[in-house]
Structures are given as C-alpha cells and as structure tokens.
C-alpha cells in the first residue's frame, strides 16, 4: 500500500496481495468487500498490510472478510463489536 493521492485529494487504496488473492477466489468475498465504505476498506487493508508474517496476515484477512460478510448481510457493523474482541485477541505462544 502507498499513500498516493488522486487529483480529487483522496488517497488511493492499494489492496495487499494476499487480500487481493482472497477476493479473486470468492465472488461472495468480493461482493462483501465492495459493500464496505472506502474508509472501512482503507482501514482494513492497512491493518492487514501491517501484519509481519503470513500466518497473522491470513488470520487478519479471514477476520476482515468475516466482518464484511456480517455487514453485507445487515447482521451487524463491520467494525469490531464487544463480542469480536475475544476473536481479535489471538492467543500468544507461551515462552519456555
């Protein structure tokens, strides 16, 4: 992702490769992603892009697509709810 700005002054969203691959593989995921506001897509893409390894990135993509599905169906907001907080806190590996 970059911070490029269009002539209208809006930053352009560049979708992380892993997310783009997930969106290409599922028509429903693409539809749900497109149902989000540009701001929500930008925040989600930035969060996914900030993952330092592939496992975390894959987990974040799955979470974003799950919440996008919930939003597209009208079953709740895209942004994390209190119930989502448990899911967003990934268990940490115990140190030995």
N, C-alpha and C. Protein backbone atom coordinates (compact mmCIF):
# COMPACT_ATOMS: atom_id res chain seq x y z
N UNK A 1 0.85 -1.18 0.00
CA UNK A 1 0.00 0.00 0.00
C UNK A 1 0.89 1.23 0.00
N UNK A 2 0.40 2.30 -0.59
CA UNK A 2 1.14 3.54 -0.53
C UNK A 2 0.18 4.67 -0.18
N UNK A 3 0.72 5.84 -0.03
CA UNK A 3 -0.11 6.98 0.33
C UNK A 3 -0.36 7.88 -0.85
N UNK A 4 -0.47 7.34 -2.06
CA UNK A 4 -0.69 8.18 -3.23
C UNK A 4 -2.02 8.89 -3.13
N UNK A 5 -2.07 10.07 -3.72
CA UNK A 5 -3.27 10.90 -3.64
C UNK A 5 -3.78 11.16 -5.05
N UNK A 6 -5.09 11.07 -5.24
CA UNK A 6 -5.69 11.32 -6.54
C UNK A 6 -5.83 12.83 -6.75
N UNK A 7 -6.23 13.22 -7.95
CA UNK A 7 -6.43 14.63 -8.25
C UNK A 7 -7.50 15.24 -7.34
N UNK A 8 -8.46 14.45 -6.90
CA UNK A 8 -9.52 14.95 -6.03
C UNK A 8 -9.04 15.08 -4.58
N UNK A 9 -7.84 14.63 -4.29
CA UNK A 9 -7.29 14.76 -2.96
C UNK A 9 -7.50 13.56 -2.05
N UNK A 10 -8.07 12.48 -2.58
CA UNK A 10 -8.29 11.28 -1.78
C UNK A 10 -7.12 10.33 -1.96
N UNK A 11 -6.72 9.68 -0.89
CA UNK A 11 -5.65 8.69 -1.05
C UNK A 11 -6.22 7.46 -1.74
N UNK A 12 -5.40 6.88 -2.60
CA UNK A 12 -5.81 5.71 -3.37
C UNK A 12 -5.53 4.45 -2.58
N UNK A 13 -6.47 3.55 -2.56
CA UNK A 13 -6.29 2.30 -1.83
C UNK A 13 -5.61 1.27 -2.71
N UNK A 14 -4.50 0.76 -2.23
CA UNK A 14 -3.86 -0.36 -2.90
C UNK A 14 -4.07 -1.58 -2.02
N UNK A 15 -4.71 -2.58 -2.55
CA UNK A 15 -5.08 -3.77 -1.80
C UNK A 15 -3.87 -4.68 -1.62
N UNK A 16 -3.59 -5.11 -0.38
CA UNK A 16 -2.48 -6.05 -0.18
C UNK A 16 -2.66 -7.30 -1.04
N UNK A 17 -1.56 -7.86 -1.53
CA UNK A 17 -1.62 -9.02 -2.45
C UNK A 17 -2.41 -10.19 -1.89
N UNK A 18 -2.19 -10.53 -0.63
CA UNK A 18 -2.89 -11.67 -0.04
C UNK A 18 -4.40 -11.44 -0.01
N UNK A 19 -4.80 -10.22 0.29
CA UNK A 19 -6.23 -9.90 0.30
C UNK A 19 -6.78 -9.94 -1.12
N UNK A 20 -6.04 -9.41 -2.07
CA UNK A 20 -6.49 -9.43 -3.47
C UNK A 20 -6.68 -10.86 -3.94
N UNK A 21 -5.77 -11.75 -3.54
CA UNK A 21 -5.88 -13.17 -3.91
C UNK A 21 -7.15 -13.77 -3.31
N UNK A 22 -7.43 -13.46 -2.05
CA UNK A 22 -8.64 -13.99 -1.39
C UNK A 22 -9.90 -13.45 -2.08
N UNK A 23 -9.87 -12.19 -2.49
CA UNK A 23 -11.03 -11.59 -3.15
C UNK A 23 -11.25 -12.18 -4.54
N UNK A 24 -10.15 -12.49 -5.25
CA UNK A 24 -10.28 -13.10 -6.58
C UNK A 24 -10.86 -14.51 -6.49
N UNK A 25 -10.60 -15.19 -5.37
CA UNK A 25 -11.02 -16.59 -5.27
C UNK A 25 -12.48 -16.76 -4.85
N UNK A 26 -13.13 -15.68 -4.44
CA UNK A 26 -14.51 -15.81 -3.97
C UNK A 26 -15.37 -14.63 -4.42
N UNK A 27 -16.38 -14.93 -5.21
CA UNK A 27 -17.31 -13.90 -5.67
C UNK A 27 -18.02 -13.25 -4.48
N UNK A 28 -18.41 -14.07 -3.49
CA UNK A 28 -19.11 -13.55 -2.31
C UNK A 28 -18.21 -12.62 -1.49
N UNK A 29 -16.94 -13.01 -1.32
CA UNK A 29 -16.00 -12.16 -0.59
C UNK A 29 -15.82 -10.83 -1.30
N UNK A 30 -15.73 -10.86 -2.64
CA UNK A 30 -15.61 -9.62 -3.43
C UNK A 30 -16.82 -8.73 -3.23
N UNK A 31 -18.01 -9.32 -3.28
CA UNK A 31 -19.25 -8.56 -3.10
C UNK A 31 -19.29 -7.93 -1.71
N UNK A 32 -18.92 -8.71 -0.71
CA UNK A 32 -18.93 -8.20 0.66
C UNK A 32 -17.91 -7.08 0.84
N UNK A 33 -16.72 -7.25 0.27
CA UNK A 33 -15.66 -6.23 0.36
C UNK A 33 -16.14 -4.93 -0.28
N UNK A 34 -16.79 -5.04 -1.43
CA UNK A 34 -17.28 -3.85 -2.13
C UNK A 34 -18.42 -3.16 -1.40
N UNK A 35 -19.10 -3.89 -0.50
CA UNK A 35 -20.20 -3.29 0.25
C UNK A 35 -19.69 -2.33 1.33
N UNK A 36 -18.40 -2.44 1.67
CA UNK A 36 -17.83 -1.58 2.71
C UNK A 36 -17.59 -0.17 2.17
N UNK A 37 -17.56 0.79 3.06
CA UNK A 37 -17.24 2.16 2.66
C UNK A 37 -15.75 2.22 2.28
N UNK A 38 -15.35 3.20 1.47
CA UNK A 38 -13.93 3.32 1.15
C UNK A 38 -13.06 3.46 2.40
N UNK A 39 -13.55 4.18 3.39
CA UNK A 39 -12.78 4.33 4.63
C UNK A 39 -12.59 3.02 5.36
N UNK A 40 -13.63 2.20 5.42
CA UNK A 40 -13.53 0.90 6.08
C UNK A 40 -12.57 -0.01 5.32
N UNK A 41 -12.62 0.03 3.98
CA UNK A 41 -11.69 -0.78 3.18
C UNK A 41 -10.25 -0.32 3.41
N UNK A 42 -10.05 0.98 3.49
CA UNK A 42 -8.71 1.54 3.70
C UNK A 42 -8.16 1.10 5.05
N UNK A 43 -8.97 1.20 6.10
CA UNK A 43 -8.53 0.81 7.45
C UNK A 43 -8.22 -0.68 7.48
N UNK A 44 -9.10 -1.50 6.89
CA UNK A 44 -8.89 -2.95 6.89
C UNK A 44 -7.63 -3.31 6.11
N UNK A 45 -7.44 -2.71 4.96
CA UNK A 45 -6.26 -3.01 4.14
C UNK A 45 -4.98 -2.63 4.89
N UNK A 46 -5.01 -1.51 5.57
CA UNK A 46 -3.85 -1.06 6.33
C UNK A 46 -3.55 -2.04 7.47
N UNK A 47 -4.60 -2.51 8.16
CA UNK A 47 -4.43 -3.45 9.26
C UNK A 47 -3.84 -4.77 8.74
N UNK A 48 -4.34 -5.24 7.62
CA UNK A 48 -3.83 -6.48 7.03
C UNK A 48 -2.38 -6.29 6.60
N UNK A 49 -2.10 -5.18 5.95
CA UNK A 49 -0.76 -4.91 5.43
C UNK A 49 0.27 -4.78 6.56
N UNK A 50 -0.18 -4.43 7.75
CA UNK A 50 0.73 -4.25 8.87
C UNK A 50 1.17 -5.55 9.53
N UNK A 51 0.59 -6.67 9.14
CA UNK A 51 0.98 -7.96 9.73
C UNK A 51 2.39 -8.31 9.29
N UNK A 52 3.18 -8.78 10.23
CA UNK A 52 4.58 -9.05 9.95
C UNK A 52 4.84 -10.45 9.37
N UNK A 53 3.90 -11.37 9.52
CA UNK A 53 4.14 -12.70 8.92
C UNK A 53 2.86 -13.20 8.24
N UNK A 54 3.04 -14.22 7.44
CA UNK A 54 1.95 -14.73 6.60
C UNK A 54 0.80 -15.30 7.43
N UNK A 55 1.10 -15.95 8.54
CA UNK A 55 0.03 -16.52 9.37
C UNK A 55 -0.88 -15.44 9.94
N UNK A 56 -0.27 -14.39 10.44
CA UNK A 56 -1.06 -13.29 11.00
C UNK A 56 -1.85 -12.61 9.89
N UNK A 57 -1.22 -12.41 8.74
CA UNK A 57 -1.90 -11.78 7.61
C UNK A 57 -3.11 -12.60 7.17
N UNK A 58 -2.95 -13.92 7.08
CA UNK A 58 -4.06 -14.81 6.70
C UNK A 58 -5.18 -14.73 7.74
N UNK A 59 -4.81 -14.71 9.01
CA UNK A 59 -5.81 -14.62 10.08
C UNK A 59 -6.57 -13.29 9.99
N UNK A 60 -5.84 -12.19 9.74
CA UNK A 60 -6.49 -10.89 9.61
C UNK A 60 -7.41 -10.82 8.40
N UNK A 61 -6.99 -11.41 7.29
CA UNK A 61 -7.84 -11.43 6.09
C UNK A 61 -9.12 -12.19 6.39
N UNK A 62 -9.02 -13.34 7.02
CA UNK A 62 -10.22 -14.12 7.36
C UNK A 62 -11.14 -13.32 8.28
N UNK A 63 -10.57 -12.60 9.24
CA UNK A 63 -11.39 -11.81 10.16
C UNK A 63 -12.08 -10.67 9.43
N UNK A 64 -11.35 -9.97 8.58
CA UNK A 64 -11.94 -8.85 7.82
C UNK A 64 -13.06 -9.35 6.92
N UNK A 65 -12.84 -10.47 6.24
CA UNK A 65 -13.87 -11.00 5.35
C UNK A 65 -15.08 -11.50 6.12
N UNK A 66 -14.87 -12.04 7.32
CA UNK A 66 -15.99 -12.46 8.17
C UNK A 66 -16.83 -11.25 8.58
N UNK A 67 -16.16 -10.18 8.98
CA UNK A 67 -16.90 -8.99 9.40
C UNK A 67 -17.55 -8.27 8.21
N UNK A 68 -16.91 -8.33 7.04
CA UNK A 68 -17.50 -7.75 5.83
C UNK A 68 -18.78 -8.51 5.46
N UNK A 69 -18.74 -9.83 5.62
CA UNK A 69 -19.93 -10.63 5.36
C UNK A 69 -21.06 -10.25 6.31
N UNK A 70 -20.74 -10.09 7.57
CA UNK A 70 -21.75 -9.70 8.56
C UNK A 70 -22.37 -8.35 8.18
N UNK A 71 -21.53 -7.41 7.77
CA UNK A 71 -22.00 -6.08 7.38
C UNK A 71 -22.88 -6.16 6.13
N UNK A 72 -22.44 -6.91 5.13
CA UNK A 72 -23.19 -7.01 3.86
C UNK A 72 -24.55 -7.65 4.06
N UNK A 73 -24.66 -8.60 4.99
CA UNK A 73 -25.94 -9.25 5.28
C UNK A 73 -26.83 -8.39 6.17
N UNK A 74 -26.32 -7.29 6.68
CA UNK A 74 -27.10 -6.44 7.57
C UNK A 74 -27.22 -7.03 8.97
N UNK A 75 -26.29 -7.94 9.31
CA UNK A 75 -26.35 -8.62 10.60
C UNK A 75 -25.54 -7.92 11.68
N UNK A 76 -24.92 -6.81 11.33
CA UNK A 76 -24.13 -6.06 12.31
C UNK A 76 -23.13 -5.17 11.61
N UNK A 77 -22.38 -4.42 12.41
CA UNK A 77 -21.41 -3.48 11.83
C UNK A 77 -20.16 -4.19 11.31
N UNK A 78 -19.43 -3.50 10.45
CA UNK A 78 -18.15 -4.04 10.00
C UNK A 78 -17.12 -3.91 11.12
N UNK A 79 -17.14 -2.78 11.80
CA UNK A 79 -16.13 -2.56 12.83
C UNK A 79 -16.35 -3.53 13.99
N UNK A 80 -15.27 -3.93 14.66
CA UNK A 80 -15.38 -4.94 15.72
C UNK A 80 -16.33 -4.53 16.84
N UNK A 81 -17.14 -5.47 17.26
CA UNK A 81 -18.06 -5.27 18.38
C UNK A 81 -17.40 -5.81 19.65
N UNK A 82 -18.06 -5.66 20.77
CA UNK A 82 -17.53 -6.22 22.01
C UNK A 82 -17.36 -7.73 21.91
N UNK A 83 -18.31 -8.38 21.23
CA UNK A 83 -18.20 -9.83 21.07
C UNK A 83 -16.99 -10.22 20.21
N UNK A 84 -16.60 -9.34 19.30
CA UNK A 84 -15.45 -9.62 18.43
C UNK A 84 -14.12 -9.49 19.17
N UNK A 85 -14.09 -8.76 20.25
CA UNK A 85 -12.82 -8.53 20.94
C UNK A 85 -12.15 -9.85 21.33
N UNK A 86 -12.93 -10.83 21.74
CA UNK A 86 -12.39 -12.14 22.09
C UNK A 86 -11.71 -12.78 20.87
N UNK A 87 -12.32 -12.60 19.71
CA UNK A 87 -11.74 -13.18 18.49
C UNK A 87 -10.51 -12.43 18.01
N UNK A 88 -10.46 -11.13 18.32
CA UNK A 88 -9.33 -10.32 17.85
C UNK A 88 -8.09 -10.52 18.70
N UNK A 89 -8.25 -11.06 19.88
CA UNK A 89 -7.10 -11.31 20.76
C UNK A 89 -6.58 -12.71 20.50
N UNK A 90 -5.64 -12.80 19.60
CA UNK A 90 -5.06 -14.10 19.29
C UNK A 90 -4.27 -14.62 20.48
N UNK A 91 -4.37 -15.89 20.76
CA UNK A 91 -3.59 -16.45 21.87
C UNK A 91 -2.10 -16.32 21.57
N UNK A 92 -1.37 -15.94 22.56
CA UNK A 92 0.08 -15.82 22.40
C UNK A 92 0.74 -17.15 22.71
N UNK A 93 1.85 -17.38 22.05
CA UNK A 93 2.60 -18.60 22.34
C UNK A 93 3.25 -18.46 23.71
N UNK A 94 3.23 -19.52 24.46
CA UNK A 94 3.86 -19.45 25.78
C UNK A 94 5.37 -19.54 25.62
N UNK A 95 6.08 -18.74 26.40
CA UNK A 95 7.54 -18.76 26.33
C UNK A 95 8.06 -19.82 27.28
N UNK A 96 9.10 -20.47 26.90
CA UNK A 96 9.65 -21.56 27.73
C UNK A 96 10.96 -21.17 28.30
